Amino acid sequence: MKELVEVMAKALVDNPDKVQVTEREEGDEIVVELTVDPSDMGKVIGRQGRIAKAIRAVVKAASTKSDKKVVVDIM
């Protein structure tokens, strides 16, 4: 999941070298944290959070094969 989020985020931002994605497990869920340059935050979130929702939907669809829930946090 980490690689998927990283590819999507780098395609959206102006500073792809500042994109950082970390992944950790917490019980029965996997938490993917996305950190971008502050000037690119609006591009990742989108108007009314539409792009953030789309990223989370793609990750949720990709994680259906695993038994764990995947949560994407944008920092």
PDB file of N, CA and C in Angstrom:
ATOM      1  N   MET A   1       0.816  -1.193   0.000  1.00  0.00           N
ATOM      2  CA  MET A   1       0.000   0.000   0.000  1.00  0.00           C
ATOM      3  C   MET A   1       0.862   1.261   0.000  1.00  0.00           C
ATOM      4  N   LYS A   2       2.001   1.174   0.656  1.00  0.00           N
ATOM      5  CA  LYS A   2       2.895   2.326   0.749  1.00  0.00           C
ATOM      6  C   LYS A   2       3.298   2.821  -0.635  1.00  0.00           C
ATOM      7  N   GLU A   3       3.650   1.899  -1.514  1.00  0.00           N
ATOM      8  CA  GLU A   3       4.085   2.270  -2.855  1.00  0.00           C
ATOM      9  C   GLU A   3       2.953   2.890  -3.662  1.00  0.00           C
ATOM     10  N   LEU A   4       1.749   2.372  -3.504  1.00  0.00           N
ATOM     11  CA  LEU A   4       0.587   2.894  -4.220  1.00  0.00           C
ATOM     12  C   LEU A   4       0.309   4.342  -3.827  1.00  0.00           C
ATOM     13  N   VAL A   5       0.320   4.628  -2.544  1.00  0.00           N
ATOM     14  CA  VAL A   5       0.075   5.986  -2.060  1.00  0.00           C
ATOM     15  C   VAL A   5       1.188   6.918  -2.535  1.00  0.00           C
ATOM     16  N   GLU A   6       2.420   6.429  -2.506  1.00  0.00           N
ATOM     17  CA  GLU A   6       3.555   7.252  -2.924  1.00  0.00           C
ATOM     18  C   GLU A   6       3.467   7.621  -4.403  1.00  0.00           C
ATOM     19  N   VAL A   7       3.114   6.692  -5.253  1.00  0.00           N
ATOM     20  CA  VAL A   7       2.992   6.963  -6.690  1.00  0.00           C
ATOM     21  C   VAL A   7       1.878   7.969  -6.961  1.00  0.00           C
ATOM     22  N   MET A   8       0.735   7.801  -6.299  1.00  0.00           N
ATOM     23  CA  MET A   8      -0.375   8.728  -6.506  1.00  0.00           C
ATOM     24  C   MET A   8      -0.022  10.133  -6.023  1.00  0.00           C
ATOM     25  N   ALA A   9       0.607  10.231  -4.871  1.00  0.00           N
ATOM     26  CA  ALA A   9       0.947  11.543  -4.309  1.00  0.00           C
ATOM     27  C   ALA A   9       1.988  12.255  -5.165  1.00  0.00           C
ATOM     28  N   LYS A  10       2.993  11.530  -5.632  1.00  0.00           N
ATOM     29  CA  LYS A  10       4.041  12.151  -6.443  1.00  0.00           C
ATOM     30  C   LYS A  10       3.491  12.661  -7.773  1.00  0.00           C
ATOM     31  N   ALA A  11       2.444  12.030  -8.277  1.00  0.00           N
ATOM     32  CA  ALA A  11       1.833  12.483  -9.524  1.00  0.00           C
ATOM     33  C   ALA A  11       1.030  13.772  -9.326  1.00  0.00           C
ATOM     34  N   LEU A  12       0.609  14.046  -8.105  1.00  0.00           N
ATOM     35  CA  LEU A  12      -0.244  15.204  -7.833  1.00  0.00           C
ATOM     36  C   LEU A  12       0.520  16.470  -7.482  1.00  0.00           C
ATOM     37  N   VAL A  13       1.683  16.344  -6.852  1.00  0.00           N
ATOM     38  CA  VAL A  13       2.362  17.498  -6.255  1.00  0.00           C
ATOM     39  C   VAL A  13       3.392  18.127  -7.192  1.00  0.00           C
ATOM     40  N   ASP A  14       3.804  19.365  -6.830  1.00  0.00           N
ATOM     41  CA  ASP A  14       4.856  20.065  -7.565  1.00  0.00           C
ATOM     42  C   ASP A  14       6.248  19.677  -7.081  1.00  0.00           C
ATOM     43  N   ASN A  15       6.360  19.222  -5.837  1.00  0.00           N
ATOM     44  CA  ASN A  15       7.644  18.829  -5.247  1.00  0.00           C
ATOM     45  C   ASN A  15       7.620  17.338  -4.897  1.00  0.00           C
ATOM     46  N   PRO A  16       7.764  16.460  -5.889  1.00  0.00           N
ATOM     47  CA  PRO A  16       7.671  15.023  -5.593  1.00  0.00           C
ATOM     48  C   PRO A  16       8.804  14.495  -4.720  1.00  0.00           C
ATOM     49  N   ASP A  17       9.913  15.219  -4.653  1.00  0.00           N
ATOM     50  CA  ASP A  17      11.018  14.761  -3.810  1.00  0.00           C
ATOM     51  C   ASP A  17      10.731  14.953  -2.320  1.00  0.00           C
ATOM     52  N   LYS A  18       9.727  15.757  -1.975  1.00  0.00           N
ATOM     53  CA  LYS A  18       9.378  15.999  -0.573  1.00  0.00           C
ATOM     54  C   LYS A  18       8.259  15.073  -0.067  1.00  0.00           C
ATOM     55  N   VAL A  19       7.800  14.164  -0.915  1.00  0.00           N
ATOM     56  CA  VAL A  19       6.746  13.232  -0.515  1.00  0.00           C
ATOM     57  C   VAL A  19       7.361  12.119   0.330  1.00  0.00           C
ATOM     58  N   GLN A  20       6.791  11.890   1.507  1.00  0.00           N
ATOM     59  CA  GLN A  20       7.239  10.815   2.392  1.00  0.00           C
ATOM     60  C   GLN A  20       6.037   9.983   2.797  1.00  0.00           C
ATOM     61  N   VAL A  21       6.196   8.670   2.681  1.00  0.00           N
ATOM     62  CA  VAL A  21       5.117   7.765   3.049  1.00  0.00           C
ATOM     63  C   VAL A  21       5.679   6.745   4.031  1.00  0.00           C
ATOM     64  N   THR A  22       5.024   6.599   5.169  1.00  0.00           N
ATOM     65  CA  THR A  22       5.411   5.585   6.144  1.00  0.00           C
ATOM     66  C   THR A  22       4.221   4.667   6.396  1.00  0.00           C
ATOM     67  N   GLU A  23       4.541   3.432   6.749  1.00  0.00           N
ATOM     68  CA  GLU A  23       3.496   2.433   6.962  1.00  0.00           C
ATOM     69  C   GLU A  23       3.780   1.716   8.273  1.00  0.00           C
ATOM     70  N   ARG A  24       2.753   1.573   9.104  1.00  0.00           N
ATOM     71  CA  ARG A  24       2.912   0.837  10.352  1.00  0.00           C
ATOM     72  C   ARG A  24       1.632   0.058  10.647  1.00  0.00           C
ATOM     73  N   GLU A  25       1.796  -1.007  11.410  1.00  0.00           N
ATOM     74  CA  GLU A  25       0.651  -1.834  11.774  1.00  0.00           C
ATOM     75  C   GLU A  25       0.230  -1.532  13.199  1.00  0.00           C
ATOM     76  N   GLU A  26      -1.058  -1.384  13.373  1.00  0.00           N
ATOM     77  CA  GLU A  26      -1.637  -1.162  14.697  1.00  0.00           C
ATOM     78  C   GLU A  26      -2.789  -2.135  14.877  1.00  0.00           C
ATOM     79  N   GLY A  27      -2.502  -3.245  15.488  1.00  0.00           N
ATOM     80  CA  GLY A  27      -3.543  -4.243  15.713  1.00  0.00           C
ATOM     81  C   GLY A  27      -4.011  -4.855  14.412  1.00  0.00           C
ATOM     82  N   ASP A  28      -5.302  -4.665  14.102  1.00  0.00           N
ATOM     83  CA  ASP A  28      -5.864  -5.253  12.888  1.00  0.00           C
ATOM     84  C   ASP A  28      -5.952  -4.257  11.740  1.00  0.00           C
ATOM     85  N   GLU A  29      -5.206  -3.157  11.819  1.00  0.00           N
ATOM     86  CA  GLU A  29      -5.218  -2.186  10.728  1.00  0.00           C
ATOM     87  C   GLU A  29      -3.804  -1.732  10.387  1.00  0.00           C
ATOM     88  N   ILE A  30      -3.645  -1.294   9.154  1.00  0.00           N
ATOM     89  CA  ILE A  30      -2.386  -0.750   8.669  1.00  0.00           C
ATOM     90  C   ILE A  30      -2.587   0.741   8.472  1.00  0.00           C
ATOM     91  N   VAL A  31      -1.709   1.543   9.077  1.00  0.00           N
ATOM     92  CA  VAL A  31      -1.803   2.994   8.979  1.00  0.00           C
ATOM     93  C   VAL A  31      -0.725   3.473   8.014  1.00  0.00           C
ATOM     94  N   VAL A  32      -1.148   4.152   6.945  1.00  0.00           N
ATOM     95  CA  VAL A  32      -0.231   4.721   5.958  1.00  0.00           C
ATOM     96  C   VAL A  32      -0.269   6.232   6.153  1.00  0.00           C
ATOM     97  N   GLU A  33       0.892   6.805   6.503  1.00  0.00           N
ATOM     98  CA  GLU A  33       0.974   8.251   6.730  1.00  0.00           C
ATOM     99  C   GLU A  33       1.644   8.910   5.537  1.00  0.00           C
ATOM    100  N   LEU A  34       0.981   9.904   4.974  1.00  0.00           N
ATOM    101  CA  LEU A  34       1.479  10.643   3.822  1.00  0.00           C
ATOM    102  C   LEU A  34       1.856  12.048   4.267  1.00  0.00           C
ATOM    103  N   THR A  35       3.104  12.434   4.023  1.00  0.00           N
ATOM    104  CA  THR A  35       3.585  13.768   4.356  1.00  0.00           C
ATOM    105  C   THR A  35       4.084  14.430   3.079  1.00  0.00           C
ATOM    106  N   VAL A  36       3.602  15.640   2.806  1.00  0.00           N
ATOM    107  CA  VAL A  36       4.011  16.390   1.618  1.00  0.00           C
ATOM    108  C   VAL A  36       4.462  17.783   2.037  1.00  0.00           C
ATOM    109  N   ASP A  37       5.055  18.503   1.107  1.00  0.00           N
ATOM    110  CA  ASP A  37       5.460  19.891   1.340  1.00  0.00           C
ATOM    111  C   ASP A  37       4.208  20.708   1.657  1.00  0.00           C
ATOM    112  N   PRO A  38       4.290  21.651   2.599  1.00  0.00           N
ATOM    113  CA  PRO A  38       3.098  22.448   2.943  1.00  0.00           C
ATOM    114  C   PRO A  38       2.465  23.173   1.747  1.00  0.00           C
ATOM    115  N   SER A  39       3.272  23.550   0.762  1.00  0.00           N
ATOM    116  CA  SER A  39       2.701  24.235  -0.403  1.00  0.00           C
ATOM    117  C   SER A  39       1.904  23.281  -1.292  1.00  0.00           C
ATOM    118  N   ASP A  40       2.115  21.975  -1.151  1.00  0.00           N
ATOM    119  CA  ASP A  40       1.398  20.982  -1.956  1.00  0.00           C
ATOM    120  C   ASP A  40       0.210  20.359  -1.229  1.00  0.00           C
ATOM    121  N   MET A  41      -0.029  20.775   0.005  1.00  0.00           N
ATOM    122  CA  MET A  41      -1.090  20.166   0.798  1.00  0.00           C
ATOM    123  C   MET A  41      -2.455  20.307   0.132  1.00  0.00           C
ATOM    124  N   GLY A  42      -2.738  21.453  -0.448  1.00  0.00           N
ATOM    125  CA  GLY A  42      -4.022  21.670  -1.115  1.00  0.00           C
ATOM    126  C   GLY A  42      -4.225  20.768  -2.321  1.00  0.00           C
ATOM    127  N   LYS A  43      -3.144  20.451  -3.007  1.00  0.00           N
ATOM    128  CA  LYS A  43      -3.243  19.581  -4.180  1.00  0.00           C
ATOM    129  C   LYS A  43      -3.553  18.147  -3.783  1.00  0.00           C
ATOM    130  N   VAL A  44      -3.069  17.733  -2.629  1.00  0.00           N
ATOM    131  CA  VAL A  44      -3.309  16.363  -2.168  1.00  0.00           C
ATOM    132  C   VAL A  44      -4.703  16.234  -1.558  1.00  0.00           C
ATOM    133  N   ILE A  45      -5.164  17.285  -0.888  1.00  0.00           N
ATOM    134  CA  ILE A  45      -6.486  17.230  -0.259  1.00  0.00           C
ATOM    135  C   ILE A  45      -7.587  17.522  -1.273  1.00  0.00           C
ATOM    136  N   GLY A  46      -7.401  18.525  -2.109  1.00  0.00           N
ATOM    137  CA  GLY A  46      -8.408  18.865  -3.112  1.00  0.00           C
ATOM    138  C   GLY A  46      -9.549  19.672  -2.528  1.00  0.00           C
ATOM    139  N   ARG A  47     -10.406  20.149  -3.410  1.00  0.00           N
ATOM    140  CA  ARG A  47     -11.564  20.919  -2.948  1.00  0.00           C
ATOM    141  C   ARG A  47     -12.522  20.022  -2.191  1.00  0.00           C
ATOM    142  N   GLN A  48     -12.854  20.466  -0.989  1.00  0.00           N
ATOM    143  CA  GLN A  48     -13.749  19.743  -0.089  1.00  0.00           C
ATOM    144  C   GLN A  48     -13.278  18.319   0.164  1.00  0.00           C
ATOM    145  N   GLY A  49     -11.959  18.080   0.037  1.00  0.00           N
ATOM    146  CA  GLY A  49     -11.391  16.769   0.336  1.00  0.00           C
ATOM    147  C   GLY A  49     -11.633  15.705  -0.707  1.00  0.00           C
ATOM    148  N   ARG A  50     -11.978  16.103  -1.915  1.00  0.00           N
ATOM    149  CA  ARG A  50     -12.319  15.119  -2.947  1.00  0.00           C
ATOM    150  C   ARG A  50     -11.141  14.240  -3.338  1.00  0.00           C
ATOM    151  N   ILE A  51      -9.958  14.824  -3.492  1.00  0.00           N
ATOM    152  CA  ILE A  51      -8.788  14.030  -3.893  1.00  0.00           C
ATOM    153  C   ILE A  51      -8.372  13.106  -2.754  1.00  0.00           C
ATOM    154  N   ALA A  52      -8.414  13.595  -1.525  1.00  0.00           N
ATOM    155  CA  ALA A  52      -8.088  12.750  -0.372  1.00  0.00           C
ATOM    156  C   ALA A  52      -9.057  11.568  -0.290  1.00  0.00           C
ATOM    157  N   LYS A  53     -10.332  11.816  -0.525  1.00  0.00           N
ATOM    158  CA  LYS A  53     -11.321  10.737  -0.515  1.00  0.00           C
ATOM    159  C   LYS A  53     -11.046   9.732  -1.626  1.00  0.00           C
ATOM    160  N   ALA A  54     -10.632  10.237  -2.794  1.00  0.00           N
ATOM    161  CA  ALA A  54     -10.332   9.356  -3.919  1.00  0.00           C
ATOM    162  C   ALA A  54      -9.112   8.485  -3.619  1.00  0.00           C
ATOM    163  N   ILE A  55      -8.085   9.071  -3.009  1.00  0.00           N
ATOM    164  CA  ILE A  55      -6.892   8.294  -2.633  1.00  0.00           C
ATOM    165  C   ILE A  55      -7.286   7.191  -1.653  1.00  0.00           C
ATOM    166  N   ARG A  56      -8.090   7.554  -0.668  1.00  0.00           N
ATOM    167  CA  ARG A  56      -8.520   6.556   0.324  1.00  0.00           C
ATOM    168  C   ARG A  56      -9.376   5.467  -0.325  1.00  0.00           C
ATOM    169  N   ALA A  57     -10.210   5.824  -1.294  1.00  0.00           N
ATOM    170  CA  ALA A  57     -11.057   4.834  -1.968  1.00  0.00           C
ATOM    171  C   ALA A  57     -10.221   3.854  -2.788  1.00  0.00           C
ATOM    172  N   VAL A  58      -9.200   4.368  -3.475  1.00  0.00           N
ATOM    173  CA  VAL A  58      -8.331   3.489  -4.268  1.00  0.00           C
ATOM    174  C   VAL A  58      -7.571   2.536  -3.353  1.00  0.00           C
ATOM    175  N   VAL A  59      -7.051   3.050  -2.244  1.00  0.00           N
ATOM    176  CA  VAL A  59      -6.319   2.206  -1.300  1.00  0.00           C
ATOM    177  C   VAL A  59      -7.247   1.164  -0.687  1.00  0.00           C
ATOM    178  N   LYS A  60      -8.476   1.556  -0.374  1.00  0.00           N
ATOM    179  CA  LYS A  60      -9.437   0.603   0.183  1.00  0.00           C
ATOM    180  C   LYS A  60      -9.757  -0.507  -0.814  1.00  0.00           C
ATOM    181  N   ALA A  61      -9.911  -0.132  -2.072  1.00  0.00           N
ATOM    182  CA  ALA A  61     -10.187  -1.133  -3.100  1.00  0.00           C
ATOM    183  C   ALA A  61      -8.997  -2.071  -3.294  1.00  0.00           C
ATOM    184  N   ALA A  62      -7.794  -1.526  -3.220  1.00  0.00           N
ATOM    185  CA  ALA A  62      -6.604  -2.350  -3.399  1.00  0.00           C
ATOM    186  C   ALA A  62      -6.348  -3.259  -2.204  1.00  0.00           C
ATOM    187  N   SER A  63      -6.882  -2.909  -1.048  1.00  0.00           N
ATOM    188  CA  SER A  63      -6.618  -3.697   0.158  1.00  0.00           C
ATOM    189  C   SER A  63      -7.698  -4.738   0.448  1.00  0.00           C
ATOM    190  N   THR A  64      -8.620  -4.933  -0.451  1.00  0.00           N
ATOM    191  CA  THR A  64      -9.704  -5.883  -0.184  1.00  0.00           C
ATOM    192  C   THR A  64      -9.202  -7.319  -0.064  1.00  0.00           C
ATOM    193  N   LYS A  65      -8.069  -7.623  -0.676  1.00  0.00           N
ATOM    194  CA  LYS A  65      -7.542  -8.982  -0.600  1.00  0.00           C
ATOM    195  C   LYS A  65      -6.917  -9.290   0.754  1.00  0.00           C
ATOM    196  N   SER A  66      -6.474  -8.261   1.463  1.00  0.00           N
ATOM    197  CA  SER A  66      -5.869  -8.495   2.777  1.00  0.00           C
ATOM    198  C   SER A  66      -6.956  -8.496   3.850  1.00  0.00           C
ATOM    199  N   ASP A  67      -6.616  -9.075   4.989  1.00  0.00           N
ATOM    200  CA  ASP A  67      -7.579  -9.158   6.090  1.00  0.00           C
ATOM    201  C   ASP A  67      -7.573  -7.917   6.962  1.00  0.00           C
ATOM    202  N   LYS A  68      -6.645  -7.000   6.699  1.00  0.00           N
ATOM    203  CA  LYS A  68      -6.499  -5.837   7.555  1.00  0.00           C
ATOM    204  C   LYS A  68      -7.092  -4.593   6.901  1.00  0.00           C
ATOM    205  N   LYS A  69      -7.596  -3.714   7.729  1.00  0.00           N
ATOM    206  CA  LYS A  69      -8.134  -2.439   7.269  1.00  0.00           C
ATOM    207  C   LYS A  69      -6.968  -1.470   7.056  1.00  0.00           C
ATOM    208  N   VAL A  70      -6.991  -0.708   5.983  1.00  0.00           N
ATOM    209  CA  VAL A  70      -5.934   0.237   5.684  1.00  0.00           C
ATOM    210  C   VAL A  70      -6.475   1.652   5.865  1.00  0.00           C
ATOM    211  N   VAL A  71      -5.759   2.455   6.667  1.00  0.00           N
ATOM    212  CA  VAL A  71      -6.143   3.833   6.951  1.00  0.00           C
ATOM    213  C   VAL A  71      -5.073   4.744   6.381  1.00  0.00           C
ATOM    214  N   VAL A  72      -5.469   5.767   5.609  1.00  0.00           N
ATOM    215  CA  VAL A  72      -4.522   6.743   5.051  1.00  0.00           C
ATOM    216  C   VAL A  72      -4.667   8.049   5.813  1.00  0.00           C
ATOM    217  N   ASP A  73      -3.569   8.471   6.453  1.00  0.00           N
ATOM    218  CA  ASP A  73      -3.527   9.738   7.169  1.00  0.00           C
ATOM    219  C   ASP A  73      -2.664  10.707   6.382  1.00  0.00           C
ATOM    220  N   ILE A  74      -3.192  11.896   6.116  1.00  0.00           N
ATOM    221  CA  ILE A  74      -2.423  12.926   5.427  1.00  0.00           C
ATOM    222  C   ILE A  74      -1.953  13.915   6.483  1.00  0.00           C
ATOM    223  N   MET A  75      -0.654  14.014   6.626  1.00  0.00           N
ATOM    224  CA  MET A  75      -0.060  14.861   7.661  1.00  0.00           C
ATOM    225  C   MET A  75       0.297  16.215   7.102  1.00  0.00           C
TER     226      MET A  75
END
